[in-house]
N, C-alpha and C. Protein backbone atom coordinates (compact mmCIF):
# COMPACT_ATOMS: atom_id res chain seq x y z
N MET A 1 46.63 -22.38 73.22
CA MET A 1 47.51 -21.96 72.12
C MET A 1 47.24 -22.87 70.92
N ASN A 2 47.02 -22.27 69.76
CA ASN A 2 46.76 -23.11 68.59
C ASN A 2 48.06 -23.54 67.92
N SER A 3 47.95 -24.38 66.91
CA SER A 3 49.13 -24.94 66.24
C SER A 3 49.99 -23.88 65.57
N PHE A 4 49.37 -22.87 65.01
CA PHE A 4 50.15 -21.83 64.32
C PHE A 4 51.03 -21.08 65.32
N ALA A 5 50.48 -20.73 66.46
CA ALA A 5 51.26 -20.03 67.49
C ALA A 5 52.33 -20.96 68.07
N LYS A 6 51.95 -22.19 68.34
CA LYS A 6 52.87 -23.17 68.93
C LYS A 6 54.11 -23.36 68.06
N TYR A 7 53.92 -23.65 66.79
CA TYR A 7 55.06 -23.91 65.91
C TYR A 7 55.86 -22.65 65.59
N ARG A 8 55.20 -21.51 65.57
CA ARG A 8 55.93 -20.25 65.38
C ARG A 8 56.88 -20.01 66.55
N ILE A 9 56.38 -20.20 67.75
CA ILE A 9 57.20 -19.99 68.94
C ILE A 9 58.34 -21.00 69.01
N ILE A 10 58.04 -22.26 68.72
CA ILE A 10 59.08 -23.29 68.72
C ILE A 10 60.17 -22.95 67.71
N ALA A 11 59.78 -22.40 66.56
CA ALA A 11 60.75 -22.04 65.52
C ALA A 11 61.52 -20.76 65.86
N GLY A 12 61.09 -20.06 66.90
CA GLY A 12 61.82 -18.88 67.35
C GLY A 12 61.44 -17.57 66.67
N TYR A 13 60.24 -17.52 66.12
CA TYR A 13 59.77 -16.31 65.45
C TYR A 13 58.76 -15.55 66.31
N THR A 14 58.77 -14.24 66.18
CA THR A 14 57.68 -13.43 66.69
C THR A 14 56.65 -13.34 65.56
N GLN A 15 55.48 -12.80 65.86
CA GLN A 15 54.50 -12.61 64.79
C GLN A 15 55.06 -11.68 63.72
N ILE A 16 55.80 -10.68 64.14
CA ILE A 16 56.36 -9.71 63.19
C ILE A 16 57.44 -10.35 62.33
N THR A 17 58.36 -11.10 62.92
CA THR A 17 59.43 -11.70 62.11
C THR A 17 58.89 -12.79 61.19
N ALA A 18 57.88 -13.52 61.64
CA ALA A 18 57.27 -14.52 60.77
C ALA A 18 56.59 -13.83 59.59
N ALA A 19 55.85 -12.77 59.87
CA ALA A 19 55.17 -12.03 58.80
C ALA A 19 56.18 -11.46 57.81
N ASP A 20 57.27 -10.89 58.32
CA ASP A 20 58.30 -10.35 57.43
C ASP A 20 58.88 -11.44 56.54
N SER A 21 59.13 -12.61 57.10
CA SER A 21 59.70 -13.72 56.31
C SER A 21 58.74 -14.21 55.24
N LEU A 22 57.45 -14.11 55.52
CA LEU A 22 56.43 -14.58 54.58
C LEU A 22 55.91 -13.46 53.67
N HIS A 23 56.39 -12.23 53.90
CA HIS A 23 55.97 -11.06 53.11
C HIS A 23 54.47 -10.81 53.22
N ILE A 24 53.99 -10.88 54.47
CA ILE A 24 52.59 -10.61 54.74
C ILE A 24 52.49 -9.65 55.93
N ASN A 25 51.29 -9.21 56.23
CA ASN A 25 51.04 -8.30 57.33
C ASN A 25 51.03 -9.07 58.65
N PRO A 26 51.63 -8.53 59.71
CA PRO A 26 51.60 -9.22 61.00
C PRO A 26 50.18 -9.50 61.51
N SER A 27 49.23 -8.68 61.14
CA SER A 27 47.85 -8.93 61.59
C SER A 27 47.31 -10.22 60.99
N THR A 28 47.82 -10.62 59.84
CA THR A 28 47.41 -11.88 59.23
C THR A 28 47.87 -13.05 60.09
N VAL A 29 49.11 -13.00 60.57
CA VAL A 29 49.62 -14.05 61.45
C VAL A 29 48.77 -14.10 62.72
N ALA A 30 48.43 -12.96 63.26
CA ALA A 30 47.59 -12.90 64.46
C ALA A 30 46.23 -13.55 64.21
N LYS A 31 45.67 -13.34 63.04
CA LYS A 31 44.37 -13.95 62.71
C LYS A 31 44.47 -15.47 62.67
N TRP A 32 45.58 -15.98 62.14
CA TRP A 32 45.76 -17.44 62.13
C TRP A 32 45.80 -17.97 63.55
N GLU A 33 46.46 -17.23 64.42
CA GLU A 33 46.69 -17.70 65.79
C GLU A 33 45.47 -17.52 66.69
N THR A 34 44.51 -16.75 66.26
CA THR A 34 43.28 -16.58 67.03
C THR A 34 42.10 -17.27 66.34
N ASN A 35 42.39 -18.12 65.38
CA ASN A 35 41.39 -18.90 64.65
C ASN A 35 40.37 -18.04 63.93
N LYS A 36 40.76 -16.84 63.55
CA LYS A 36 39.88 -15.97 62.76
C LYS A 36 40.10 -16.20 61.27
N ALA A 37 41.18 -16.89 60.92
CA ALA A 37 41.49 -17.17 59.51
C ALA A 37 42.52 -18.28 59.46
N LYS A 38 42.65 -18.87 58.30
CA LYS A 38 43.71 -19.83 58.01
C LYS A 38 44.41 -19.36 56.74
N PRO A 39 45.69 -19.71 56.56
CA PRO A 39 46.39 -19.30 55.34
C PRO A 39 45.78 -19.95 54.11
N ARG A 40 45.85 -19.25 53.02
CA ARG A 40 45.47 -19.83 51.73
C ARG A 40 46.39 -21.01 51.45
N SER A 41 45.92 -21.92 50.63
CA SER A 41 46.69 -23.15 50.36
C SER A 41 48.07 -22.84 49.80
N GLY A 42 48.21 -21.82 48.98
CA GLY A 42 49.51 -21.49 48.41
C GLY A 42 50.51 -20.99 49.44
N LEU A 43 50.02 -20.46 50.53
CA LEU A 43 50.89 -19.94 51.58
C LEU A 43 51.14 -20.96 52.68
N LEU A 44 50.26 -21.93 52.80
CA LEU A 44 50.34 -22.90 53.88
C LEU A 44 51.65 -23.68 53.88
N LEU A 45 52.11 -24.12 52.74
CA LEU A 45 53.38 -24.85 52.66
C LEU A 45 54.55 -23.96 53.06
N ARG A 46 54.51 -22.70 52.67
CA ARG A 46 55.58 -21.77 53.06
C ARG A 46 55.61 -21.58 54.57
N VAL A 47 54.44 -21.50 55.19
CA VAL A 47 54.36 -21.36 56.64
C VAL A 47 54.94 -22.61 57.31
N ALA A 48 54.54 -23.78 56.85
CA ALA A 48 55.05 -25.03 57.41
C ALA A 48 56.57 -25.12 57.27
N ASN A 49 57.09 -24.75 56.12
CA ASN A 49 58.54 -24.77 55.93
C ASN A 49 59.24 -23.79 56.86
N LEU A 50 58.69 -22.61 57.02
CA LEU A 50 59.28 -21.61 57.89
C LEU A 50 59.28 -22.09 59.34
N TYR A 51 58.21 -22.73 59.76
CA TYR A 51 58.07 -23.18 61.14
C TYR A 51 58.67 -24.57 61.37
N HIS A 52 59.21 -25.18 60.34
CA HIS A 52 59.86 -26.50 60.44
C HIS A 52 58.89 -27.57 60.94
N CYS A 53 57.72 -27.59 60.34
CA CYS A 53 56.73 -28.61 60.68
C CYS A 53 55.97 -28.98 59.40
N SER A 54 55.06 -29.91 59.52
CA SER A 54 54.28 -30.30 58.35
C SER A 54 52.98 -29.49 58.28
N VAL A 55 52.39 -29.46 57.12
CA VAL A 55 51.10 -28.81 56.94
C VAL A 55 50.08 -29.49 57.84
N ASP A 56 50.14 -30.81 57.92
CA ASP A 56 49.22 -31.56 58.77
C ASP A 56 49.33 -31.12 60.22
N GLN A 57 50.54 -30.90 60.71
CA GLN A 57 50.71 -30.44 62.09
C GLN A 57 50.08 -29.06 62.29
N LEU A 58 50.25 -28.19 61.32
CA LEU A 58 49.65 -26.85 61.43
C LEU A 58 48.13 -26.90 61.46
N LEU A 59 47.56 -27.79 60.69
CA LEU A 59 46.11 -27.84 60.56
C LEU A 59 45.43 -28.62 61.68
N ARG A 60 46.18 -29.28 62.51
CA ARG A 60 45.61 -30.00 63.65
C ARG A 60 45.32 -29.01 64.77
N ASP A 61 44.25 -28.29 64.61
CA ASP A 61 43.90 -27.26 65.58
C ASP A 61 42.44 -27.41 65.96
N GLU A 62 42.16 -27.23 67.22
CA GLU A 62 40.80 -27.38 67.72
C GLU A 62 39.99 -26.12 67.48
N GLY A 63 38.71 -26.30 67.17
CA GLY A 63 37.80 -25.18 67.09
C GLY A 63 38.02 -24.22 65.93
N ALA A 64 38.58 -24.67 64.83
CA ALA A 64 38.88 -23.75 63.74
C ALA A 64 37.93 -23.92 62.55
N GLU A 65 36.79 -24.56 62.77
CA GLU A 65 35.88 -24.76 61.66
C GLU A 65 35.20 -23.46 61.27
N GLY A 66 34.96 -23.32 60.00
CA GLY A 66 34.20 -22.19 59.52
C GLY A 66 34.93 -20.88 59.41
N VAL A 67 36.25 -20.89 59.40
CA VAL A 67 36.97 -19.64 59.25
C VAL A 67 37.33 -19.42 57.79
N LYS A 68 37.48 -18.18 57.42
CA LYS A 68 37.80 -17.86 56.03
C LYS A 68 39.32 -17.81 55.82
N SER A 69 39.76 -17.99 54.59
CA SER A 69 41.17 -17.91 54.26
C SER A 69 41.60 -16.47 54.09
N VAL A 70 42.73 -16.13 54.67
CA VAL A 70 43.30 -14.79 54.58
C VAL A 70 44.79 -14.93 54.39
N GLY A 71 45.40 -14.06 53.63
CA GLY A 71 46.86 -14.05 53.51
C GLY A 71 47.28 -14.71 52.29
């Protein structure tokens, strides 16, 4: 489980409710959680605030090099 999925679950959100709160598509959240993409910098702080963690905690994920930004 990567950091995005971990902190989303800890915060009590489903992929759909997190996406609704961030005004994005649920498939975008799924891409973050499968290391197919990372949030754009402007969205990253909003995600961290929603999940009650720091940006640094979200970005501490293994095997996520070389992915493109989406969302």
